[in-house]
Amino acid sequence: GDFWSSESDLLQTYYDELISQLIAQRKGGPSTLSFAEFVRHYELARLDMTRHWLSKHGWVASTSGEAQLVRVLEESMDRLDGGSSLANQEEYLAALERFAR
């Protein structure tokens, strides 16, 4: 199976636990990292994980869950680069910075 139907709930659970741990360790709280920022970091991690899969092992979406992953990745990339290839690493790093805010 896949986790698409419960992704929002899982993200909220992980975020709540992270905030609880930050508070318990006196390293921050909800003002340290908003849920929206947490989700953007999750999206970047998902893009990076997929990049790693593709560069090391090759990969082809073969299930409906994997096809959904491809759609979600494309949406994230479109928000990151505006649907266009970026000219150089500087532009890419600037786009990453904007995306993560």
Protein backbone atom coordinates (compact mmCIF):
# COMPACT_ATOMS: atom_id res chain seq x y z
CA GLY A 1 0.00 0.00 0.00
CA ASP A 2 0.92 3.62 0.09
CA PHE A 3 0.60 6.38 2.65
CA TRP A 4 -1.06 9.11 0.58
CA SER A 5 -4.38 8.95 2.41
CA SER A 6 -2.67 9.45 5.78
CA GLU A 7 0.25 11.70 4.78
CA SER A 8 -1.28 14.84 6.37
CA ASP A 9 -1.96 13.05 9.64
CA LEU A 10 1.54 11.54 9.69
CA LEU A 11 3.15 14.93 9.05
CA GLN A 12 1.13 16.50 11.87
CA THR A 13 2.09 13.66 14.22
CA TYR A 14 5.80 13.97 13.35
CA TYR A 15 5.65 17.75 13.72
CA ASP A 16 3.90 17.54 17.11
CA GLU A 17 6.50 15.06 18.35
CA LEU A 18 9.38 17.22 17.09
CA ILE A 19 7.95 20.27 18.88
CA SER A 20 7.44 18.21 22.06
CA GLN A 21 11.06 17.09 21.93
CA LEU A 22 12.32 20.64 21.29
CA ILE A 23 10.37 21.86 24.31
CA ALA A 24 11.52 18.94 26.50
CA GLN A 25 15.14 19.58 25.57
CA ARG A 26 14.72 23.36 25.97
CA LYS A 27 15.83 23.90 22.38
CA GLY A 28 12.72 25.60 21.03
CA GLY A 29 9.02 25.21 20.45
CA PRO A 30 6.31 26.04 17.91
CA SER A 31 7.84 29.46 17.22
CA THR A 32 11.12 27.75 16.30
CA LEU A 33 9.65 25.95 13.30
CA SER A 34 6.16 26.49 11.93
CA PHE A 35 4.19 23.58 10.53
CA ALA A 36 4.38 25.20 7.05
CA GLU A 37 8.19 25.35 7.29
CA PHE A 38 8.27 21.75 8.49
CA VAL A 39 6.23 20.65 5.46
CA ARG A 40 8.52 22.56 3.05
CA HIS A 41 11.55 20.82 4.56
CA TYR A 42 9.73 17.50 4.16
CA GLU A 43 9.11 18.32 0.49
CA LEU A 44 12.80 19.14 -0.03
CA ALA A 45 13.83 15.92 1.70
CA ARG A 46 11.44 13.96 -0.51
CA LEU A 47 12.94 15.58 -3.63
CA ASP A 48 16.46 14.82 -2.42
CA MET A 49 15.62 11.21 -1.57
CA THR A 50 14.17 10.67 -5.04
CA ARG A 51 17.18 12.33 -6.65
CA HIS A 52 19.36 9.84 -4.76
CA TRP A 53 17.24 6.88 -5.91
CA LEU A 54 17.49 8.02 -9.50
CA SER A 55 21.22 8.71 -9.44
CA LYS A 56 22.21 5.49 -7.68
CA HIS A 57 19.74 2.87 -8.76
CA GLY A 58 17.48 4.16 -11.48
CA TRP A 59 13.80 4.03 -10.79
CA VAL A 60 10.52 3.84 -12.68
CA ALA A 61 7.12 4.44 -11.12
CA SER A 62 5.33 1.10 -11.29
CA THR A 63 2.42 1.46 -8.86
CA SER A 64 -0.36 4.01 -8.47
CA GLY A 65 1.29 5.24 -5.25
CA GLU A 66 4.57 5.79 -7.08
CA ALA A 67 2.75 7.58 -9.90
CA GLN A 68 1.23 9.86 -7.24
CA LEU A 69 4.75 10.47 -5.89
CA VAL A 70 5.88 11.58 -9.35
CA ARG A 71 2.95 14.03 -9.56
CA VAL A 72 3.72 15.44 -6.11
CA LEU A 73 7.43 15.75 -6.93
CA GLU A 74 6.61 17.59 -10.14
CA GLU A 75 4.41 20.03 -8.21
CA SER A 76 7.23 20.64 -5.72
CA MET A 77 9.75 21.18 -8.51
CA ASP A 78 7.41 23.60 -10.27
CA ARG A 79 7.14 25.63 -7.06
CA LEU A 80 10.91 25.48 -6.67
CA ASP A 81 11.97 26.45 -10.19
CA GLY A 82 8.83 27.95 -11.69
CA GLY A 83 8.62 25.12 -14.23
CA SER A 84 11.88 26.10 -15.95
CA SER A 85 15.43 24.84 -15.82
CA LEU A 86 17.62 27.09 -13.73
CA ALA A 87 20.75 28.44 -15.42
CA ASN A 88 23.33 27.58 -12.78
CA GLN A 89 23.97 26.40 -9.25
CA GLU A 90 23.63 29.94 -7.84
CA GLU A 91 20.10 30.22 -9.19
CA TYR A 92 19.27 26.78 -7.85
CA LEU A 93 20.60 27.61 -4.36
CA ALA A 94 18.67 30.90 -4.37
CA ALA A 95 15.50 29.03 -5.38
CA LEU A 96 16.06 26.50 -2.58
CA GLU A 97 16.44 29.34 -0.08
CA ARG A 98 13.20 30.95 -1.25
CA PHE A 99 11.37 27.62 -1.20
CA ALA A 100 12.48 26.81 2.33
CA ARG A 101 11.17 30.14 3.73
